[in-house]
Amino acid sequence: MYDISLDAELFITKRENVANGSIYKRRRIALTADKIFVLKKNSRQTNSSGMYDFSFRFTPKKNLEDIWKKDNARTLRFCIYAKHSLSGLGKHFVQEYFLSEDLFIEGQFEVGDTLKIVKNNVN
């Protein structure tokens, strides 16, 4: 088993009118950590596929909902470059999220191999 390093970037984009039409401008959103030198496995046990689980939670330094409303932005673009330490081979992954009022959910991710968000209990 060899280590994997990650570089991550998060951008917010919005459409702006210019003389001959419109363009999309993007602005980088700072993350609490954007470079991970060694991605370690979550546990000593394998998952149902016989593979080890690896994960890291990238979080923005500022509230995304506030940035989105202030900028009147359209999309979030999350980019990750992962590189295998032994072979030096890497791959670039991109995920785009189209912003809407119901995109932001206050809560925490459920533990395990899921992206489900459990809403916080308000007392």
PDB file of N, CA and C in Angstrom:
ATOM      1  N   MET A   1       0.852  -1.182   0.000  1.00  0.00           N
ATOM      2  CA  MET A   1       0.000   0.000   0.000  1.00  0.00           C
ATOM      3  C   MET A   1       0.895   1.242   0.000  1.00  0.00           C
ATOM      4  N   TYR A   2       0.654   2.157  -0.889  1.00  0.00           N
ATOM      5  CA  TYR A   2       1.470   3.355  -0.994  1.00  0.00           C
ATOM      6  C   TYR A   2       0.608   4.585  -0.746  1.00  0.00           C
ATOM      7  N   ASP A   3       1.258   5.660  -0.402  1.00  0.00           N
ATOM      8  CA  ASP A   3       0.568   6.885  -0.039  1.00  0.00           C
ATOM      9  C   ASP A   3       0.046   7.632  -1.258  1.00  0.00           C
ATOM     10  N   ILE A   4      -0.977   8.427  -1.016  1.00  0.00           N
ATOM     11  CA  ILE A   4      -1.563   9.297  -2.033  1.00  0.00           C
ATOM     12  C   ILE A   4      -1.527  10.712  -1.492  1.00  0.00           C
ATOM     13  N   SER A   5      -1.084  11.669  -2.323  1.00  0.00           N
ATOM     14  CA  SER A   5      -1.130  13.072  -1.932  1.00  0.00           C
ATOM     15  C   SER A   5      -2.235  13.768  -2.728  1.00  0.00           C
ATOM     16  N   LEU A   6      -2.818  14.802  -2.133  1.00  0.00           N
ATOM     17  CA  LEU A   6      -3.937  15.513  -2.748  1.00  0.00           C
ATOM     18  C   LEU A   6      -3.706  17.009  -2.760  1.00  0.00           C
ATOM     19  N   ASP A   7      -4.124  17.648  -3.836  1.00  0.00           N
ATOM     20  CA  ASP A   7      -4.225  19.104  -3.923  1.00  0.00           C
ATOM     21  C   ASP A   7      -5.679  19.405  -4.240  1.00  0.00           C
ATOM     22  N   ALA A   8      -6.274  20.359  -3.517  1.00  0.00           N
ATOM     23  CA  ALA A   8      -7.685  20.672  -3.720  1.00  0.00           C
ATOM     24  C   ALA A   8      -7.885  22.164  -3.916  1.00  0.00           C
ATOM     25  N   GLU A   9      -8.877  22.505  -4.745  1.00  0.00           N
ATOM     26  CA  GLU A   9      -9.255  23.899  -4.979  1.00  0.00           C
ATOM     27  C   GLU A   9     -10.774  23.988  -5.067  1.00  0.00           C
ATOM     28  N   LEU A  10     -11.310  25.084  -4.547  1.00  0.00           N
ATOM     29  CA  LEU A  10     -12.740  25.349  -4.621  1.00  0.00           C
ATOM     30  C   LEU A  10     -12.932  26.733  -5.231  1.00  0.00           C
ATOM     31  N   PHE A  11     -13.791  26.800  -6.257  1.00  0.00           N
ATOM     32  CA  PHE A  11     -14.064  28.067  -6.936  1.00  0.00           C
ATOM     33  C   PHE A  11     -15.556  28.344  -6.931  1.00  0.00           C
ATOM     34  N   ILE A  12     -15.905  29.611  -6.901  1.00  0.00           N
ATOM     35  CA  ILE A  12     -17.284  30.032  -7.075  1.00  0.00           C
ATOM     36  C   ILE A  12     -17.320  30.845  -8.367  1.00  0.00           C
ATOM     37  N   THR A  13     -18.314  30.603  -9.213  1.00  0.00           N
ATOM     38  CA  THR A  13     -18.371  31.286 -10.508  1.00  0.00           C
ATOM     39  C   THR A  13     -19.667  32.069 -10.638  1.00  0.00           C
ATOM     40  N   LYS A  14     -19.574  33.164 -11.380  1.00  0.00           N
ATOM     41  CA  LYS A  14     -20.774  33.948 -11.676  1.00  0.00           C
ATOM     42  C   LYS A  14     -20.655  34.541 -13.065  1.00  0.00           C
ATOM     43  N   ARG A  15     -21.793  34.805 -13.653  1.00  0.00           N
ATOM     44  CA  ARG A  15     -21.863  35.343 -15.005  1.00  0.00           C
ATOM     45  C   ARG A  15     -21.886  36.867 -14.939  1.00  0.00           C
ATOM     46  N   GLU A  16     -21.074  37.498 -15.795  1.00  0.00           N
ATOM     47  CA  GLU A  16     -21.032  38.961 -15.862  1.00  0.00           C
ATOM     48  C   GLU A  16     -21.187  39.394 -17.302  1.00  0.00           C
ATOM     49  N   ASN A  17     -21.929  40.474 -17.492  1.00  0.00           N
ATOM     50  CA  ASN A  17     -22.121  41.038 -18.826  1.00  0.00           C
ATOM     51  C   ASN A  17     -20.921  41.889 -19.208  1.00  0.00           C
ATOM     52  N   VAL A  18     -20.489  41.736 -20.466  1.00  0.00           N
ATOM     53  CA  VAL A  18     -19.409  42.545 -21.038  1.00  0.00           C
ATOM     54  C   VAL A  18     -19.905  43.116 -22.358  1.00  0.00           C
ATOM     55  N   ALA A  19     -19.078  43.902 -23.021  1.00  0.00           N
ATOM     56  CA  ALA A  19     -19.492  44.619 -24.225  1.00  0.00           C
ATOM     57  C   ALA A  19     -20.093  43.709 -25.299  1.00  0.00           C
ATOM     58  N   ASN A  20     -19.495  42.554 -25.556  1.00  0.00           N
ATOM     59  CA  ASN A  20     -19.951  41.683 -26.636  1.00  0.00           C
ATOM     60  C   ASN A  20     -20.739  40.464 -26.161  1.00  0.00           C
ATOM     61  N   GLY A  21     -21.267  40.496 -24.958  1.00  0.00           N
ATOM     62  CA  GLY A  21     -22.022  39.342 -24.460  1.00  0.00           C
ATOM     63  C   GLY A  21     -21.817  39.159 -22.975  1.00  0.00           C
ATOM     64  N   SER A  22     -21.464  37.945 -22.581  1.00  0.00           N
ATOM     65  CA  SER A  22     -21.235  37.671 -21.168  1.00  0.00           C
ATOM     66  C   SER A  22     -20.078  36.692 -20.996  1.00  0.00           C
ATOM     67  N   ILE A  23     -19.470  36.750 -19.826  1.00  0.00           N
ATOM     68  CA  ILE A  23     -18.376  35.850 -19.476  1.00  0.00           C
ATOM     69  C   ILE A  23     -18.640  35.285 -18.084  1.00  0.00           C
ATOM     70  N   TYR A  24     -17.955  34.195 -17.764  1.00  0.00           N
ATOM     71  CA  TYR A  24     -18.040  33.624 -16.428  1.00  0.00           C
ATOM     72  C   TYR A  24     -16.742  33.920 -15.699  1.00  0.00           C
ATOM     73  N   LYS A  25     -16.862  34.555 -14.547  1.00  0.00           N
ATOM     74  CA  LYS A  25     -15.699  34.840 -13.713  1.00  0.00           C
ATOM     75  C   LYS A  25     -15.692  33.867 -12.550  1.00  0.00           C
ATOM     76  N   ARG A  26     -14.497  33.461 -12.165  1.00  0.00           N
ATOM     77  CA  ARG A  26     -14.397  32.564 -11.026  1.00  0.00           C
ATOM     78  C   ARG A  26     -13.489  33.181  -9.977  1.00  0.00           C
ATOM     79  N   ARG A  27     -13.795  32.842  -8.733  1.00  0.00           N
ATOM     80  CA  ARG A  27     -13.017  33.326  -7.600  1.00  0.00           C
ATOM     81  C   ARG A  27     -12.706  32.129  -6.713  1.00  0.00           C
ATOM     82  N   ARG A  28     -11.460  32.039  -6.309  1.00  0.00           N
ATOM     83  CA  ARG A  28     -11.036  30.911  -5.469  1.00  0.00           C
ATOM     84  C   ARG A  28     -11.511  31.124  -4.031  1.00  0.00           C
ATOM     85  N   ILE A  29     -12.027  30.072  -3.440  1.00  0.00           N
ATOM     86  CA  ILE A  29     -12.470  30.080  -2.046  1.00  0.00           C
ATOM     87  C   ILE A  29     -11.413  29.342  -1.227  1.00  0.00           C
ATOM     88  N   ALA A  30     -10.898  29.997  -0.202  1.00  0.00           N
ATOM     89  CA  ALA A  30      -9.847  29.389   0.626  1.00  0.00           C
ATOM     90  C   ALA A  30     -10.403  28.220   1.433  1.00  0.00           C
ATOM     91  N   LEU A  31      -9.634  27.143   1.460  1.00  0.00           N
ATOM     92  CA  LEU A  31      -9.981  25.952   2.241  1.00  0.00           C
ATOM     93  C   LEU A  31      -9.111  25.901   3.493  1.00  0.00           C
ATOM     94  N   THR A  32      -9.609  25.254   4.546  1.00  0.00           N
ATOM     95  CA  THR A  32      -8.808  25.138   5.770  1.00  0.00           C
ATOM     96  C   THR A  32      -7.532  24.345   5.516  1.00  0.00           C
ATOM     97  N   ALA A  33      -7.580  23.398   4.593  1.00  0.00           N
ATOM     98  CA  ALA A  33      -6.404  22.653   4.148  1.00  0.00           C
ATOM     99  C   ALA A  33      -6.598  22.370   2.663  1.00  0.00           C
ATOM    100  N   ASP A  34      -5.613  22.718   1.843  1.00  0.00           N
ATOM    101  CA  ASP A  34      -5.756  22.467   0.404  1.00  0.00           C
ATOM    102  C   ASP A  34      -4.688  21.523  -0.144  1.00  0.00           C
ATOM    103  N   LYS A  35      -3.740  21.121   0.714  1.00  0.00           N
ATOM    104  CA  LYS A  35      -2.721  20.144   0.322  1.00  0.00           C
ATOM    105  C   LYS A  35      -2.619  19.085   1.409  1.00  0.00           C
ATOM    106  N   ILE A  36      -2.780  17.843   1.003  1.00  0.00           N
ATOM    107  CA  ILE A  36      -2.652  16.717   1.919  1.00  0.00           C
ATOM    108  C   ILE A  36      -1.508  15.865   1.381  1.00  0.00           C
ATOM    109  N   PHE A  37      -0.429  15.750   2.154  1.00  0.00           N
ATOM    110  CA  PHE A  37       0.748  15.041   1.667  1.00  0.00           C
ATOM    111  C   PHE A  37       0.591  13.519   1.758  1.00  0.00           C
ATOM    112  N   VAL A  38      -0.125  13.049   2.770  1.00  0.00           N
ATOM    113  CA  VAL A  38      -0.345  11.614   2.907  1.00  0.00           C
ATOM    114  C   VAL A  38      -1.799  11.407   3.314  1.00  0.00           C
ATOM    115  N   LEU A  39      -2.544  10.725   2.469  1.00  0.00           N
ATOM    116  CA  LEU A  39      -3.933  10.384   2.787  1.00  0.00           C
ATOM    117  C   LEU A  39      -3.920   9.015   3.441  1.00  0.00           C
ATOM    118  N   LYS A  40      -4.277   8.972   4.713  1.00  0.00           N
ATOM    119  CA  LYS A  40      -4.227   7.718   5.468  1.00  0.00           C
ATOM    120  C   LYS A  40      -5.580   7.018   5.454  1.00  0.00           C
ATOM    121  N   LYS A  41      -5.552   5.718   5.618  1.00  0.00           N
ATOM    122  CA  LYS A  41      -6.801   4.956   5.633  1.00  0.00           C
ATOM    123  C   LYS A  41      -7.566   5.218   6.932  1.00  0.00           C
ATOM    124  N   ASN A  42      -8.891   5.072   6.852  1.00  0.00           N
ATOM    125  CA  ASN A  42      -9.760   5.346   7.993  1.00  0.00           C
ATOM    126  C   ASN A  42      -9.711   4.284   9.070  1.00  0.00           C
ATOM    127  N   SER A  43      -9.476   3.056   8.700  1.00  0.00           N
ATOM    128  CA  SER A  43      -9.489   1.968   9.688  1.00  0.00           C
ATOM    129  C   SER A  43      -8.580   0.842   9.216  1.00  0.00           C
ATOM    130  N   ARG A  44      -8.420  -0.146  10.075  1.00  0.00           N
ATOM    131  CA  ARG A  44      -7.600  -1.304   9.721  1.00  0.00           C
ATOM    132  C   ARG A  44      -8.403  -2.358   8.989  1.00  0.00           C
ATOM    133  N   GLN A  45      -9.720  -2.178   8.936  1.00  0.00           N
ATOM    134  CA  GLN A  45     -10.585  -3.155   8.284  1.00  0.00           C
ATOM    135  C   GLN A  45     -10.937  -2.696   6.879  1.00  0.00           C
ATOM    136  N   THR A  46     -11.202  -3.656   6.022  1.00  0.00           N
ATOM    137  CA  THR A  46     -11.592  -3.331   4.656  1.00  0.00           C
ATOM    138  C   THR A  46     -13.110  -3.159   4.578  1.00  0.00           C
ATOM    139  N   ASN A  47     -13.565  -2.485   3.527  1.00  0.00           N
ATOM    140  CA  ASN A  47     -15.004  -2.312   3.320  1.00  0.00           C
ATOM    141  C   ASN A  47     -15.581  -3.542   2.616  1.00  0.00           C
ATOM    142  N   SER A  48     -16.840  -3.472   2.213  1.00  0.00           N
ATOM    143  CA  SER A  48     -17.516  -4.629   1.605  1.00  0.00           C
ATOM    144  C   SER A  48     -16.880  -5.042   0.274  1.00  0.00           C
ATOM    145  N   SER A  49     -16.131  -4.150  -0.375  1.00  0.00           N
ATOM    146  CA  SER A  49     -15.463  -4.467  -1.636  1.00  0.00           C
ATOM    147  C   SER A  49     -14.062  -5.039  -1.419  1.00  0.00           C
ATOM    148  N   GLY A  50     -13.647  -5.156  -0.149  1.00  0.00           N
ATOM    149  CA  GLY A  50     -12.312  -5.673   0.134  1.00  0.00           C
ATOM    150  C   GLY A  50     -11.231  -4.614   0.042  1.00  0.00           C
ATOM    151  N   MET A  51     -11.634  -3.343  -0.051  1.00  0.00           N
ATOM    152  CA  MET A  51     -10.679  -2.234  -0.156  1.00  0.00           C
ATOM    153  C   MET A  51     -10.677  -1.445   1.150  1.00  0.00           C
ATOM    154  N   TYR A  52      -9.586  -0.745   1.421  1.00  0.00           N
ATOM    155  CA  TYR A  52      -9.535   0.149   2.571  1.00  0.00           C
ATOM    156  C   TYR A  52     -10.239   1.456   2.208  1.00  0.00           C
ATOM    157  N   ASP A  53     -10.863   2.085   3.195  1.00  0.00           N
ATOM    158  CA  ASP A  53     -11.513   3.374   2.985  1.00  0.00           C
ATOM    159  C   ASP A  53     -10.536   4.501   3.292  1.00  0.00           C
ATOM    160  N   PHE A  54     -10.463   5.458   2.393  1.00  0.00           N
ATOM    161  CA  PHE A  54      -9.640   6.636   2.576  1.00  0.00           C
ATOM    162  C   PHE A  54     -10.545   7.846   2.416  1.00  0.00           C
ATOM    163  N   SER A  55     -10.382   8.835   3.274  1.00  0.00           N
ATOM    164  CA  SER A  55     -11.184  10.050   3.097  1.00  0.00           C
ATOM    165  C   SER A  55     -10.535  11.216   3.818  1.00  0.00           C
ATOM    166  N   PHE A  56     -10.919  12.410   3.386  1.00  0.00           N
ATOM    167  CA  PHE A  56     -10.503  13.648   4.029  1.00  0.00           C
ATOM    168  C   PHE A  56     -11.607  14.659   3.786  1.00  0.00           C
ATOM    169  N   ARG A  57     -11.960  15.417   4.783  1.00  0.00           N
ATOM    170  CA  ARG A  57     -13.015  16.417   4.644  1.00  0.00           C
ATOM    171  C   ARG A  57     -12.377  17.783   4.382  1.00  0.00           C
ATOM    172  N   PHE A  58     -12.604  18.311   3.185  1.00  0.00           N
ATOM    173  CA  PHE A  58     -12.145  19.652   2.846  1.00  0.00           C
ATOM    174  C   PHE A  58     -13.237  20.637   3.242  1.00  0.00           C
ATOM    175  N   THR A  59     -12.881  21.672   3.988  1.00  0.00           N
ATOM    176  CA  THR A  59     -13.869  22.655   4.419  1.00  0.00           C
ATOM    177  C   THR A  59     -13.392  24.066   4.084  1.00  0.00           C
ATOM    178  N   PRO A  60     -14.318  24.929   3.686  1.00  0.00           N
ATOM    179  CA  PRO A  60     -13.944  26.317   3.389  1.00  0.00           C
ATOM    180  C   PRO A  60     -13.685  27.087   4.681  1.00  0.00           C
ATOM    181  N   LYS A  61     -12.834  28.108   4.595  1.00  0.00           N
ATOM    182  CA  LYS A  61     -12.545  28.938   5.763  1.00  0.00           C
ATOM    183  C   LYS A  61     -13.717  29.852   6.102  1.00  0.00           C
ATOM    184  N   LYS A  62     -14.489  30.230   5.078  1.00  0.00           N
ATOM    185  CA  LYS A  62     -15.621  31.136   5.286  1.00  0.00           C
ATOM    186  C   LYS A  62     -16.920  30.418   4.938  1.00  0.00           C
ATOM    187  N   ASN A  63     -18.033  30.969   5.382  1.00  0.00           N
ATOM    188  CA  ASN A  63     -19.345  30.401   5.142  1.00  0.00           C
ATOM    189  C   ASN A  63     -19.712  30.511   3.658  1.00  0.00           C
ATOM    190  N   LEU A  64     -19.899  29.371   2.994  1.00  0.00           N
ATOM    191  CA  LEU A  64     -20.205  29.363   1.561  1.00  0.00           C
ATOM    192  C   LEU A  64     -21.538  30.032   1.239  1.00  0.00           C
ATOM    193  N   GLU A  65     -22.509  29.861   2.090  1.00  0.00           N
ATOM    194  CA  GLU A  65     -23.820  30.455   1.833  1.00  0.00           C
ATOM    195  C   GLU A  65     -23.723  31.978   1.815  1.00  0.00           C
ATOM    196  N   ASP A  66     -22.944  32.554   2.719  1.00  0.00           N
ATOM    197  CA  ASP A  66     -22.753  34.011   2.738  1.00  0.00           C
ATOM    198  C   ASP A  66     -22.039  34.490   1.473  1.00  0.00           C
ATOM    199  N   ILE A  67     -21.016  33.761   1.045  1.00  0.00           N
ATOM    200  CA  ILE A  67     -20.267  34.121  -0.169  1.00  0.00           C
ATOM    201  C   ILE A  67     -21.180  34.051  -1.382  1.00  0.00           C
ATOM    202  N   TRP A  68     -21.966  32.982  -1.466  1.00  0.00           N
ATOM    203  CA  TRP A  68     -22.869  32.791  -2.594  1.00  0.00           C
ATOM    204  C   TRP A  68     -23.873  33.929  -2.689  1.00  0.00           C
ATOM    205  N   LYS A  69     -24.493  34.296  -1.581  1.00  0.00           N
ATOM    206  CA  LYS A  69     -25.499  35.365  -1.595  1.00  0.00           C
ATOM    207  C   LYS A  69     -24.877  36.719  -1.917  1.00  0.00           C
ATOM    208  N   LYS A  70     -23.685  36.966  -1.388  1.00  0.00           N
ATOM    209  CA  LYS A  70     -23.000  38.243  -1.624  1.00  0.00           C
ATOM    210  C   LYS A  70     -22.596  38.386  -3.092  1.00  0.00           C
ATOM    211  N   ASP A  71     -22.078  37.322  -3.681  1.00  0.00           N
ATOM    212  CA  ASP A  71     -21.574  37.367  -5.057  1.00  0.00           C
ATOM    213  C   ASP A  71     -22.644  37.107  -6.109  1.00  0.00           C
ATOM    214  N   ASN A  72     -23.825  36.659  -5.694  1.00  0.00           N
ATOM    215  CA  ASN A  72     -24.870  36.261  -6.643  1.00  0.00           C
ATOM    216  C   ASN A  72     -24.303  35.241  -7.636  1.00  0.00           C
ATOM    217  N   ALA A  73     -23.640  34.244  -7.082  1.00  0.00           N
ATOM    218  CA  ALA A  73     -22.917  33.260  -7.891  1.00  0.00           C
ATOM    219  C   ALA A  73     -23.843  32.176  -8.403  1.00  0.00           C
ATOM    220  N   ARG A  74     -23.364  31.432  -9.417  1.00  0.00           N
ATOM    221  CA  ARG A  74     -24.135  30.376 -10.053  1.00  0.00           C
ATOM    222  C   ARG A  74     -23.689  28.963  -9.673  1.00  0.00           C
ATOM    223  N   THR A  75     -22.387  28.749  -9.604  1.00  0.00           N
ATOM    224  CA  THR A  75     -21.888  27.389  -9.371  1.00  0.00           C
ATOM    225  C   THR A  75     -20.686  27.365  -8.434  1.00  0.00           C
ATOM    226  N   LEU A  76     -20.512  26.215  -7.794  1.00  0.00           N
ATOM    227  CA  LEU A  76     -19.291  25.888  -7.073  1.00  0.00           C
ATOM    228  C   LEU A  76     -18.568  24.842  -7.893  1.00  0.00           C
ATOM    229  N   ARG A  77     -17.265  24.972  -8.004  1.00  0.00           N
ATOM    230  CA  ARG A  77     -16.456  23.994  -8.747  1.00  0.00           C
ATOM    231  C   ARG A  77     -15.353  23.511  -7.812  1.00  0.00           C
ATOM    232  N   PHE A  78     -15.375  22.208  -7.494  1.00  0.00           N
ATOM    233  CA  PHE A  78     -14.410  21.610  -6.581  1.00  0.00           C
ATOM    234  C   PHE A  78     -13.471  20.730  -7.392  1.00  0.00           C
ATOM    235  N   CYS A  79     -12.180  20.990  -7.297  1.00  0.00           N
ATOM    236  CA  CYS A  79     -11.172  20.267  -8.083  1.00  0.00           C
ATOM    237  C   CYS A  79     -10.179  19.585  -7.134  1.00  0.00           C
ATOM    238  N   ILE A  80      -9.852  18.342  -7.445  1.00  0.00           N
ATOM    239  CA  ILE A  80      -8.854  17.596  -6.678  1.00  0.00           C
ATOM    240  C   ILE A  80      -7.876  16.955  -7.655  1.00  0.00           C
ATOM    241  N   TYR A  81      -6.595  17.052  -7.321  1.00  0.00           N
ATOM    242  CA  TYR A  81      -5.561  16.337  -8.057  1.00  0.00           C
ATOM    243  C   TYR A  81      -4.943  15.335  -7.083  1.00  0.00           C
ATOM    244  N   ALA A  82      -5.043  14.059  -7.382  1.00  0.00           N
ATOM    245  CA  ALA A  82      -4.512  12.994  -6.527  1.00  0.00           C
ATOM    246  C   ALA A  82      -3.300  12.374  -7.218  1.00  0.00           C
ATOM    247  N   LYS A  83      -2.236  12.136  -6.441  1.00  0.00           N
ATOM    248  CA  LYS A  83      -0.998  11.591  -7.001  1.00  0.00           C
ATOM    249  C   LYS A  83      -0.521  10.418  -6.158  1.00  0.00           C
ATOM    250  N   HIS A  84      -0.204   9.305  -6.825  1.00  0.00           N
ATOM    251  CA  HIS A  84       0.304   8.096  -6.186  1.00  0.00           C
ATOM    252  C   HIS A  84       1.804   8.273  -5.930  1.00  0.00           C
ATOM    253  N   SER A  85       2.239   8.013  -4.690  1.00  0.00           N
ATOM    254  CA  SER A  85       3.627   8.310  -4.310  1.00  0.00           C
ATOM    255  C   SER A  85       4.664   7.432  -4.999  1.00  0.00           C
ATOM    256  N   LEU A  86       4.361   6.175  -5.252  1.00  0.00           N
ATOM    257  CA  LEU A  86       5.349   5.279  -5.855  1.00  0.00           C
ATOM    258  C   LEU A  86       5.476   5.498  -7.362  1.00  0.00           C
ATOM    259  N   SER A  87       4.361   5.494  -8.061  1.00  0.00           N
ATOM    260  CA  SER A  87       4.402   5.596  -9.520  1.00  0.00           C
ATOM    261  C   SER A  87       4.511   7.038 -10.010  1.00  0.00           C
ATOM    262  N   GLY A  88       4.059   7.984  -9.193  1.00  0.00           N
ATOM    263  CA  GLY A  88       4.057   9.377  -9.624  1.00  0.00           C
ATOM    264  C   GLY A  88       2.884   9.711 -10.529  1.00  0.00           C
ATOM    265  N   LEU A  89       2.026   8.726 -10.797  1.00  0.00           N
ATOM    266  CA  LEU A  89       0.866   8.970 -11.647  1.00  0.00           C
ATOM    267  C   LEU A  89      -0.201   9.723 -10.868  1.00  0.00           C
ATOM    268  N   GLY A  90      -0.897  10.615 -11.570  1.00  0.00           N
ATOM    269  CA  GLY A  90      -1.929  11.405 -10.923  1.00  0.00           C
ATOM    270  C   GLY A  90      -3.184  11.486 -11.767  1.00  0.00           C
ATOM    271  N   LYS A  91      -4.239  11.953 -11.145  1.00  0.00           N
ATOM    272  CA  LYS A  91      -5.506  12.124 -11.841  1.00  0.00           C
ATOM    273  C   LYS A  91      -6.215  13.351 -11.283  1.00  0.00           C
ATOM    274  N   HIS A  92      -6.883  14.070 -12.172  1.00  0.00           N
ATOM    275  CA  HIS A  92      -7.605  15.281 -11.817  1.00  0.00           C
ATOM    276  C   HIS A  92      -9.100  14.975 -11.779  1.00  0.00           C
ATOM    277  N   PHE A  93      -9.761  15.349 -10.689  1.00  0.00           N
ATOM    278  CA  PHE A  93     -11.201  15.141 -10.527  1.00  0.00           C
ATOM    279  C   PHE A  93     -11.879  16.497 -10.365  1.00  0.00           C
ATOM    280  N   VAL A  94     -13.019  16.685 -11.021  1.00  0.00           N
ATOM    281  CA  VAL A  94     -13.767  17.942 -10.934  1.00  0.00           C
ATOM    282  C   VAL A  94     -15.232  17.621 -10.674  1.00  0.00           C
ATOM    283  N   GLN A  95     -15.813  18.356  -9.739  1.00  0.00           N
ATOM    284  CA  GLN A  95     -17.244  18.240  -9.457  1.00  0.00           C
ATOM    285  C   GLN A  95     -17.835  19.639  -9.413  1.00  0.00           C
ATOM    286  N   GLU A  96     -18.913  19.850 -10.159  1.00  0.00           N
ATOM    287  CA  GLU A  96     -19.589  21.144 -10.172  1.00  0.00           C
ATOM    288  C   GLU A  96     -20.929  21.026  -9.469  1.00  0.00           C
ATOM    289  N   TYR A  97     -21.240  22.034  -8.675  1.00  0.00           N
ATOM    290  CA  TYR A  97     -22.512  22.098  -7.958  1.00  0.00           C
ATOM    291  C   TYR A  97     -23.223  23.364  -8.386  1.00  0.00           C
ATOM    292  N   PHE A  98     -24.464  23.220  -8.836  1.00  0.00           N
ATOM    293  CA  PHE A  98     -25.256  24.377  -9.231  1.00  0.00           C
ATOM    294  C   PHE A  98     -25.983  24.891  -8.007  1.00  0.00           C
ATOM    295  N   LEU A  99     -25.775  26.160  -7.708  1.00  0.00           N
ATOM    296  CA  LEU A  99     -26.267  26.727  -6.460  1.00  0.00           C
ATOM    297  C   LEU A  99     -27.754  27.031  -6.505  1.00  0.00           C
ATOM    298  N   SER A 100     -28.432  26.676  -5.424  1.00  0.00           N
ATOM    299  CA  SER A 100     -29.848  26.983  -5.255  1.00  0.00           C
ATOM    300  C   SER A 100     -30.131  27.135  -3.769  1.00  0.00           C
ATOM    301  N   GLU A 101     -31.283  27.657  -3.444  1.00  0.00           N
ATOM    302  CA  GLU A 101     -31.648  27.904  -2.049  1.00  0.00           C
ATOM    303  C   GLU A 101     -31.589  26.633  -1.196  1.00  0.00           C
ATOM    304  N   ASP A 102     -31.954  25.487  -1.761  1.00  0.00           N
ATOM    305  CA  ASP A 102     -32.011  24.256  -0.975  1.00  0.00           C
ATOM    306  C   ASP A 102     -30.698  23.467  -0.967  1.00  0.00           C
ATOM    307  N   LEU A 103     -29.633  24.041  -1.535  1.00  0.00           N
ATOM    308  CA  LEU A 103     -28.348  23.352  -1.574  1.00  0.00           C
ATOM    309  C   LEU A 103     -27.689  23.286  -0.196  1.00  0.00           C
ATOM    310  N   PHE A 104     -27.853  24.324   0.590  1.00  0.00           N
ATOM    311  CA  PHE A 104     -27.170  24.408   1.875  1.00  0.00           C
ATOM    312  C   PHE A 104     -28.032  23.791   2.968  1.00  0.00           C
ATOM    313  N   ILE A 105     -27.458  22.811   3.654  1.00  0.00           N
ATOM    314  CA  ILE A 105     -28.148  22.118   4.737  1.00  0.00           C
ATOM    315  C   ILE A 105     -27.264  22.211   5.976  1.00  0.00           C
ATOM    316  N   GLU A 106     -27.836  22.700   7.059  1.00  0.00           N
ATOM    317  CA  GLU A 106     -27.065  22.778   8.286  1.00  0.00           C
ATOM    318  C   GLU A 106     -27.089  21.423   8.975  1.00  0.00           C
ATOM    319  N   GLY A 107     -25.914  20.898   9.282  1.00  0.00           N
ATOM    320  CA  GLY A 107     -25.837  19.600   9.926  1.00  0.00           C
ATOM    321  C   GLY A 107     -24.438  19.031   9.833  1.00  0.00           C
ATOM    322  N   GLN A 108     -24.337  17.735  10.042  1.00  0.00           N
ATOM    323  CA  GLN A 108     -23.052  17.046   9.994  1.00  0.00           C
ATOM    324  C   GLN A 108     -23.180  15.808   9.119  1.00  0.00           C
ATOM    325  N   PHE A 109     -22.077  15.428   8.486  1.00  0.00           N
ATOM    326  CA  PHE A 109     -22.084  14.210   7.683  1.00  0.00           C
ATOM    327  C   PHE A 109     -22.239  13.006   8.585  1.00  0.00           C
ATOM    328  N   GLU A 110     -23.042  12.055   8.128  1.00  0.00           N
ATOM    329  CA  GLU A 110     -23.218  10.801   8.839  1.00  0.00           C
ATOM    330  C   GLU A 110     -21.902  10.024   8.775  1.00  0.00           C
ATOM    331  N   VAL A 111     -21.572   9.337   9.836  1.00  0.00           N
ATOM    332  CA  VAL A 111     -20.326   8.571   9.887  1.00  0.00           C
ATOM    333  C   VAL A 111     -20.412   7.385   8.933  1.00  0.00           C
ATOM    334  N   GLY A 112     -19.335   7.109   8.210  1.00  0.00           N
ATOM    335  CA  GLY A 112     -19.289   5.955   7.317  1.00  0.00           C
ATOM    336  C   GLY A 112     -19.145   6.358   5.868  1.00  0.00           C
ATOM    337  N   ASP A 113     -19.367   5.418   4.993  1.00  0.00           N
ATOM    338  CA  ASP A 113     -19.210   5.591   3.556  1.00  0.00           C
ATOM    339  C   ASP A 113     -20.484   6.182   2.958  1.00  0.00           C
ATOM    340  N   THR A 114     -20.751   7.450   3.278  1.00  0.00           N
ATOM    341  CA  THR A 114     -21.975   8.103   2.840  1.00  0.00           C
ATOM    342  C   THR A 114     -21.773   9.612   2.747  1.00  0.00           C
ATOM    343  N   LEU A 115     -22.590  10.261   1.964  1.00  0.00           N
ATOM    344  CA  LEU A 115     -22.586  11.722   1.894  1.00  0.00           C
ATOM    345  C   LEU A 115     -23.861  12.297   2.515  1.00  0.00           C
ATOM    346  N   LYS A 116     -24.594  11.470   3.256  1.00  0.00           N
ATOM    347  CA  LYS A 116     -25.833  11.907   3.886  1.00  0.00           C
ATOM    348  C   LYS A 116     -25.525  12.895   5.014  1.00  0.00           C
ATOM    349  N   ILE A 117     -26.313  13.964   5.073  1.00  0.00           N
ATOM    350  CA  ILE A 117     -26.156  14.975   6.110  1.00  0.00           C
ATOM    351  C   ILE A 117     -27.280  14.822   7.123  1.00  0.00           C
ATOM    352  N   VAL A 118     -26.901  14.747   8.384  1.00  0.00           N
ATOM    353  CA  VAL A 118     -27.877  14.646   9.462  1.00  0.00           C
ATOM    354  C   VAL A 118     -28.082  16.064   9.998  1.00  0.00           C
ATOM    355  N   LYS A 119     -29.329  16.530   9.979  1.00  0.00           N
ATOM    356  CA  LYS A 119     -29.622  17.893  10.426  1.00  0.00           C
ATOM    357  C   LYS A 119     -29.399  18.022  11.913  1.00  0.00           C
ATOM    358  N   ASN A 120     -28.908  19.205  12.312  1.00  0.00           N
ATOM    359  CA  ASN A 120     -28.688  19.491  13.730  1.00  0.00           C
ATOM    360  C   ASN A 120     -30.020  19.647  14.430  1.00  0.00           C
ATOM    361  N   ASN A 121     -30.111  19.159  15.659  1.00  0.00           N
ATOM    362  CA  ASN A 121     -31.306  19.352  16.470  1.00  0.00           C
ATOM    363  C   ASN A 121     -31.275  20.734  17.089  1.00  0.00           C
ATOM    364  N   VAL A 122     -32.348  21.494  16.918  1.00  0.00           N
ATOM    365  CA  VAL A 122     -32.432  22.833  17.487  1.00  0.00           C
ATOM    366  C   VAL A 122     -33.308  22.757  18.721  1.00  0.00           C
ATOM    367  N   ASN A 123     -32.767  23.162  19.867  1.00  0.00           N
ATOM    368  CA  ASN A 123     -33.551  23.121  21.114  1.00  0.00           C
ATOM    369  C   ASN A 123     -34.161  24.463  21.421  1.00  0.00           C
TER     370      ASN A 123
END
